C-alpha atoms as a PDB file:
ATOM      1  CA  MET A   1     -20.368   4.912 -25.253  1.00  0.00           C
ATOM      2  CA  PRO A   2     -18.828   7.719 -23.163  1.00  0.00           C
ATOM      3  CA  LEU A   3     -19.661   7.865 -19.459  1.00  0.00           C
ATOM      4  CA  ILE A   4     -20.214  10.744 -17.046  1.00  0.00           C
ATOM      5  CA  ILE A   5     -20.740  10.396 -13.287  1.00  0.00           C
ATOM      6  CA  LEU A   6     -22.826  12.955 -11.400  1.00  0.00           C
ATOM      7  CA  ASP A   7     -23.444  13.583  -7.736  1.00  0.00           C
ATOM      8  CA  ARG A   8     -27.152  14.117  -7.081  1.00  0.00           C
ATOM      9  CA  ASP A   9     -27.829  16.660  -4.310  1.00  0.00           C
ATOM     10  CA  GLY A  10     -26.370  20.051  -5.196  1.00  0.00           C
ATOM     11  CA  VAL A  11     -25.660  19.039  -8.809  1.00  0.00           C
ATOM     12  CA  VAL A  12     -28.939  17.736 -10.250  1.00  0.00           C
ATOM     13  CA  ASN A  13     -31.276  19.018  -7.546  1.00  0.00           C
ATOM     14  CA  PHE A  14     -31.165  21.622  -4.798  1.00  0.00           C
ATOM     15  CA  ASP A  15     -29.529  20.377  -1.614  1.00  0.00           C
ATOM     16  CA  SER A  16     -30.621  20.829   1.992  1.00  0.00           C
ATOM     17  CA  PRO A  17     -28.628  20.724   5.247  1.00  0.00           C
ATOM     18  CA  GLN A  18     -31.475  18.550   6.603  1.00  0.00           C
ATOM     19  CA  TYR A  19     -31.215  16.069   3.692  1.00  0.00           C
ATOM     20  CA  ILE A  20     -33.622  15.587   0.818  1.00  0.00           C
ATOM     21  CA  LYS A  21     -35.934  13.213   2.668  1.00  0.00           C
ATOM     22  CA  SER A  22     -39.142  13.250   0.650  1.00  0.00           C
ATOM     23  CA  PRO A  23     -40.187  13.530  -2.984  1.00  0.00           C
ATOM     24  CA  ALA A  24     -41.681  16.956  -2.214  1.00  0.00           C
ATOM     25  CA  GLU A  25     -38.230  18.206  -1.177  1.00  0.00           C
ATOM     26  CA  TRP A  26     -36.582  17.032  -4.410  1.00  0.00           C
ATOM     27  CA  LYS A  27     -36.453  20.050  -6.731  1.00  0.00           C
ATOM     28  CA  PRO A  28     -34.235  20.160  -9.831  1.00  0.00           C
ATOM     29  CA  ILE A  29     -31.715  22.943 -10.283  1.00  0.00           C
ATOM     30  CA  PRO A  30     -32.805  24.957 -13.344  1.00  0.00           C
ATOM     31  CA  GLY A  31     -31.172  23.575 -16.477  1.00  0.00           C
ATOM     32  CA  SER A  32     -29.847  20.393 -14.871  1.00  0.00           C
ATOM     33  CA  LEU A  33     -32.421  18.006 -16.298  1.00  0.00           C
ATOM     34  CA  GLU A  34     -32.065  19.484 -19.766  1.00  0.00           C
ATOM     35  CA  ALA A  35     -28.271  19.157 -19.452  1.00  0.00           C
ATOM     36  CA  ILE A  36     -28.649  15.440 -18.705  1.00  0.00           C
ATOM     37  CA  ALA A  37     -30.963  15.089 -21.711  1.00  0.00           C
ATOM     38  CA  ARG A  38     -28.312  16.744 -23.905  1.00  0.00           C
ATOM     39  CA  LEU A  39     -25.737  14.261 -22.613  1.00  0.00           C
ATOM     40  CA  ASN A  40     -28.103  11.405 -23.480  1.00  0.00           C
ATOM     41  CA  GLN A  41     -28.719  12.799 -26.956  1.00  0.00           C
ATOM     42  CA  SER A  42     -24.944  13.014 -27.466  1.00  0.00           C
ATOM     43  CA  GLY A  43     -24.531   9.337 -26.627  1.00  0.00           C
ATOM     44  CA  TYR A  44     -23.378   9.624 -23.020  1.00  0.00           C
ATOM     45  CA  ARG A  45     -24.199   7.077 -20.379  1.00  0.00           C
ATOM     46  CA  VAL A  46     -25.189   9.136 -17.313  1.00  0.00           C
ATOM     47  CA  VAL A  47     -24.715   7.576 -13.874  1.00  0.00           C
ATOM     48  CA  ILE A  48     -25.355   9.083 -10.454  1.00  0.00           C
ATOM     49  CA  ALA A  49     -23.106   8.357  -7.451  1.00  0.00           C
ATOM     50  CA  THR A  50     -24.571   9.752  -4.236  1.00  0.00           C
ATOM     51  CA  ASN A  51     -24.115   9.489  -0.486  1.00  0.00           C
ATOM     52  CA  GLN A  52     -27.501   8.922   1.143  1.00  0.00           C
ATOM     53  CA  SER A  53     -26.639   8.559   4.824  1.00  0.00           C
ATOM     54  CA  GLY A  54     -30.202   9.538   5.754  1.00  0.00           C
ATOM     55  CA  VAL A  55     -31.099   5.892   5.056  1.00  0.00           C
ATOM     56  CA  GLY A  56     -28.472   4.547   7.467  1.00  0.00           C
ATOM     57  CA  ARG A  57     -29.387   7.140  10.067  1.00  0.00           C
ATOM     58  CA  GLY A  58     -33.082   6.265   9.887  1.00  0.00           C
ATOM     59  CA  ILE A  59     -34.121   9.719   8.642  1.00  0.00           C
ATOM     60  CA  PHE A  60     -35.863   8.135   5.637  1.00  0.00           C
ATOM     61  CA  ASP A  61     -36.232   4.579   4.387  1.00  0.00           C
ATOM     62  CA  MET A  62     -35.429   2.803   1.127  1.00  0.00           C
ATOM     63  CA  ASP A  63     -39.015   3.142  -0.113  1.00  0.00           C
ATOM     64  CA  THR A  64     -38.756   6.919   0.279  1.00  0.00           C
ATOM     65  CA  LEU A  65     -35.369   7.017  -1.474  1.00  0.00           C
ATOM     66  CA  ASN A  66     -36.820   4.966  -4.325  1.00  0.00           C
ATOM     67  CA  THR A  67     -39.801   7.329  -4.558  1.00  0.00           C
ATOM     68  CA  ILE A  68     -37.454  10.353  -4.695  1.00  0.00           C
ATOM     69  CA  HIS A  69     -35.518   8.674  -7.493  1.00  0.00           C
ATOM     70  CA  GLU A  70     -38.759   7.807  -9.287  1.00  0.00           C
ATOM     71  CA  LYS A  71     -39.684  11.506  -9.231  1.00  0.00           C
ATOM     72  CA  MET A  72     -36.269  12.340 -10.697  1.00  0.00           C
ATOM     73  CA  HIS A  73     -36.649   9.692 -13.419  1.00  0.00           C
ATOM     74  CA  LYS A  74     -40.098  11.040 -14.375  1.00  0.00           C
ATOM     75  CA  ALA A  75     -38.848  14.642 -14.457  1.00  0.00           C
ATOM     76  CA  LEU A  76     -35.950  13.599 -16.685  1.00  0.00           C
ATOM     77  CA  PHE A  77     -38.242  11.620 -18.975  1.00  0.00           C
ATOM     78  CA  ALA A  78     -40.440  14.702 -19.376  1.00  0.00           C
ATOM     79  CA  VAL A  79     -37.501  16.601 -20.919  1.00  0.00           C
ATOM     80  CA  GLY A  80     -36.213  13.668 -22.976  1.00  0.00           C
ATOM     81  CA  GLY A  81     -33.506  12.509 -20.591  1.00  0.00           C
ATOM     82  CA  HIS A  82     -32.637   9.604 -18.342  1.00  0.00           C
ATOM     83  CA  VAL A  83     -29.961   8.276 -16.029  1.00  0.00           C
ATOM     84  CA  ASP A  84     -28.610   4.828 -16.743  1.00  0.00           C
ATOM     85  CA  ALA A  85     -28.071   3.920 -13.089  1.00  0.00           C
ATOM     86  CA  ILE A  86     -27.974   5.326  -9.574  1.00  0.00           C
ATOM     87  CA  PHE A  87     -25.308   4.077  -7.183  1.00  0.00           C
ATOM     88  CA  PHE A  88     -25.684   5.185  -3.591  1.00  0.00           C
ATOM     89  CA  CYS A  89     -24.069   4.701  -0.210  1.00  0.00           C
ATOM     90  CA  PRO A  90     -26.692   4.326   2.534  1.00  0.00           C
ATOM     91  CA  HIS A  91     -24.146   4.289   5.382  1.00  0.00           C
ATOM     92  CA  PRO A  92     -23.830   7.014   8.039  1.00  0.00           C
ATOM     93  CA  ALA A  93     -20.846   9.379   7.965  1.00  0.00           C
ATOM     94  CA  ASP A  94     -19.061   7.564  10.797  1.00  0.00           C
ATOM     95  CA  SER A  95     -19.098   4.193   9.039  1.00  0.00           C
ATOM     96  CA  GLN A  96     -15.912   2.649   7.722  1.00  0.00           C
ATOM     97  CA  CYS A  97     -17.423   1.515   4.416  1.00  0.00           C
ATOM     98  CA  ALA A  98     -15.578   1.764   1.108  1.00  0.00           C
ATOM     99  CA  CYS A  99     -18.574   3.222  -0.735  1.00  0.00           C
ATOM    100  CA  ARG A 100     -19.103   6.500   1.117  1.00  0.00           C
ATOM    101  CA  LYS A 101     -17.489   9.380  -0.711  1.00  0.00           C
ATOM    102  CA  PRO A 102     -14.659  10.502  -0.372  1.00  0.00           C
ATOM    103  CA  GLN A 103     -13.858   6.790  -0.638  1.00  0.00           C
ATOM    104  CA  PRO A 104     -13.932   5.674  -4.300  1.00  0.00           C
ATOM    105  CA  GLY A 105     -15.995   2.499  -3.813  1.00  0.00           C
ATOM    106  CA  LEU A 106     -19.097   3.721  -5.666  1.00  0.00           C
ATOM    107  CA  PHE A 107     -16.933   4.730  -8.604  1.00  0.00           C
ATOM    108  CA  TYR A 108     -15.221   1.346  -8.715  1.00  0.00           C
ATOM    109  CA  GLN A 109     -18.654  -0.312  -8.658  1.00  0.00           C
ATOM    110  CA  ILE A 110     -19.698   1.829 -11.625  1.00  0.00           C
ATOM    111  CA  GLY A 111     -16.585   0.862 -13.579  1.00  0.00           C
ATOM    112  CA  GLU A 112     -17.164  -2.821 -12.852  1.00  0.00           C
ATOM    113  CA  ARG A 113     -20.878  -2.694 -13.670  1.00  0.00           C
ATOM    114  CA  PHE A 114     -20.349  -1.008 -17.026  1.00  0.00           C
ATOM    115  CA  HIS A 115     -17.029  -2.733 -17.808  1.00  0.00           C
ATOM    116  CA  VAL A 116     -15.214   0.544 -18.419  1.00  0.00           C
ATOM    117  CA  SER A 117     -12.044   2.252 -17.300  1.00  0.00           C
ATOM    118  CA  LEU A 118     -12.814   5.391 -15.331  1.00  0.00           C
ATOM    119  CA  GLU A 119      -9.635   7.087 -16.530  1.00  0.00           C
ATOM    120  CA  GLY A 120     -10.610  10.585 -17.645  1.00  0.00           C
ATOM    121  CA  VAL A 121     -14.352  10.092 -17.097  1.00  0.00           C
ATOM    122  CA  PRO A 122     -15.884  13.395 -15.953  1.00  0.00           C
ATOM    123  CA  ALA A 123     -17.067  13.179 -12.335  1.00  0.00           C
ATOM    124  CA  VAL A 124     -19.248  16.168 -11.460  1.00  0.00           C
ATOM    125  CA  GLY A 125     -19.827  17.172  -7.856  1.00  0.00           C
ATOM    126  CA  ASP A 126     -20.373  20.121  -5.556  1.00  0.00           C
ATOM    127  CA  SER A 127     -18.304  18.950  -2.577  1.00  0.00           C
ATOM    128  CA  LEU A 128     -14.663  18.106  -2.002  1.00  0.00           C
ATOM    129  CA  ARG A 129     -15.555  14.507  -1.157  1.00  0.00           C
ATOM    130  CA  ASP A 130     -17.251  14.087  -4.564  1.00  0.00           C
ATOM    131  CA  LEU A 131     -14.132  15.344  -6.332  1.00  0.00           C
ATOM    132  CA  GLN A 132     -11.760  13.277  -4.181  1.00  0.00           C
ATOM    133  CA  ALA A 133     -13.672  10.048  -4.767  1.00  0.00           C
ATOM    134  CA  GLY A 134     -13.732  10.609  -8.512  1.00  0.00           C
ATOM    135  CA  ALA A 135     -10.074  11.635  -8.718  1.00  0.00           C
ATOM    136  CA  THR A 136      -8.967   8.600  -6.684  1.00  0.00           C
ATOM    137  CA  ALA A 137     -10.827   6.360  -9.153  1.00  0.00           C
ATOM    138  CA  GLY A 138      -9.079   8.043 -12.114  1.00  0.00           C
ATOM    139  CA  CYS A 139     -11.938  10.333 -13.118  1.00  0.00           C
ATOM    140  CA  HIS A 140     -11.527  13.932 -14.182  1.00  0.00           C
ATOM    141  CA  PRO A 141     -12.956  16.078 -11.325  1.00  0.00           C
ATOM    142  CA  VAL A 142     -15.502  18.749 -12.250  1.00  0.00           C
ATOM    143  CA  LEU A 143     -16.788  21.162  -9.595  1.00  0.00           C
ATOM    144  CA  VAL A 144     -20.105  22.940 -10.041  1.00  0.00           C
ATOM    145  CA  LEU A 145     -20.799  26.036  -7.957  1.00  0.00           C
ATOM    146  CA  THR A 146     -24.385  25.028  -7.150  1.00  0.00           C
ATOM    147  CA  GLY A 147     -25.164  23.301  -3.846  1.00  0.00           C
ATOM    148  CA  LYS A 148     -22.012  23.389  -1.693  1.00  0.00           C
ATOM    149  CA  GLY A 149     -19.853  24.270  -4.699  1.00  0.00           C
ATOM    150  CA  GLU A 150     -19.084  27.918  -3.848  1.00  0.00           C
ATOM    151  CA  LYS A 151     -17.987  26.922  -0.338  1.00  0.00           C
ATOM    152  CA  THR A 152     -15.951  24.017  -1.730  1.00  0.00           C
ATOM    153  CA  ARG A 153     -14.120  26.365  -4.109  1.00  0.00           C
ATOM    154  CA  GLU A 154     -13.448  28.877  -1.319  1.00  0.00           C
ATOM    155  CA  GLU A 155     -12.020  26.188   0.975  1.00  0.00           C
ATOM    156  CA  GLY A 156      -9.609  25.091  -1.747  1.00  0.00           C
ATOM    157  CA  ASN A 157      -7.469  21.922  -1.709  1.00  0.00           C
ATOM    158  CA  LEU A 158      -9.206  20.717  -4.849  1.00  0.00           C
ATOM    159  CA  PRO A 159      -7.763  17.687  -6.653  1.00  0.00           C
ATOM    160  CA  ALA A 160      -5.327  18.495  -9.452  1.00  0.00           C
ATOM    161  CA  ASN A 161      -6.902  19.505 -12.762  1.00  0.00           C
ATOM    162  CA  THR A 162     -10.335  20.188 -11.277  1.00  0.00           C
ATOM    163  CA  ARG A 163     -12.440  22.156 -13.725  1.00  0.00           C
ATOM    164  CA  ILE A 164     -14.980  24.609 -12.292  1.00  0.00           C
ATOM    165  CA  PHE A 165     -18.317  25.615 -13.803  1.00  0.00           C
ATOM    166  CA  VAL A 166     -21.246  27.694 -12.581  1.00  0.00           C
ATOM    167  CA  ASP A 167     -23.653  24.728 -12.852  1.00  0.00           C
ATOM    168  CA  LEU A 168     -24.237  21.371 -14.527  1.00  0.00           C
ATOM    169  CA  ALA A 169     -25.570  23.006 -17.708  1.00  0.00           C
ATOM    170  CA  ALA A 170     -22.316  24.982 -18.143  1.00  0.00           C
ATOM    171  CA  ALA A 171     -20.211  21.886 -17.416  1.00  0.00           C
ATOM    172  CA  VAL A 172     -22.172  19.908 -20.019  1.00  0.00           C
ATOM    173  CA  ASP A 173     -21.770  22.742 -22.546  1.00  0.00           C
ATOM    174  CA  ALA A 174     -17.987  22.478 -22.122  1.00  0.00           C
ATOM    175  CA  ILE A 175     -17.893  18.682 -22.154  1.00  0.00           C
ATOM    176  CA  LEU A 176     -20.030  18.422 -25.269  1.00  0.00           C
ATOM    177  CA  GLY A 177     -18.101  21.238 -26.936  1.00  0.00           C
ATOM    178  CA  GLU A 178     -14.923  19.195 -26.524  1.00  0.00           C
ATOM    179  CA  THR A 179     -16.393  16.076 -28.115  1.00  0.00           C
ATOM    180  CA  THR A 180     -17.762  17.672 -31.286  1.00  0.00           C
END
């Protein structure tokens, strides 16, 4: 079963400089949920890898994060999609953990959990740290221009072979077009 790894904020849902800290603030980017459903229907295992430093900083708690994710799961279910797992780093930006992107720890955890090599697995993100973490773990970096994506592209220094798409739906169109 092929695997794809997605960042959450800025890829699946709209991002906010003040964090997504309540279910009411979680709003899907148009077409993103349907794109995940198409991945599911094509046999992909869809996993999210997301930094959630708001937990470590005390901006929101684990119950709130779980409720946000429950809203996402329900919205995906409504369009015939699902994510197989959500891996997140709760640590603040100044921590020295191995799981906070741009470190590849979350990606290594995903590979271990699903007993798969990450070599060539698409890793979709909107920030340089998303792409760096995926590339370090052997994934194929995919930048979407939603969220922080436009700014990330403008700043440059992208990992080698980064593919760029307007949004998750366009990235999924290309990925699925390559596998048929």
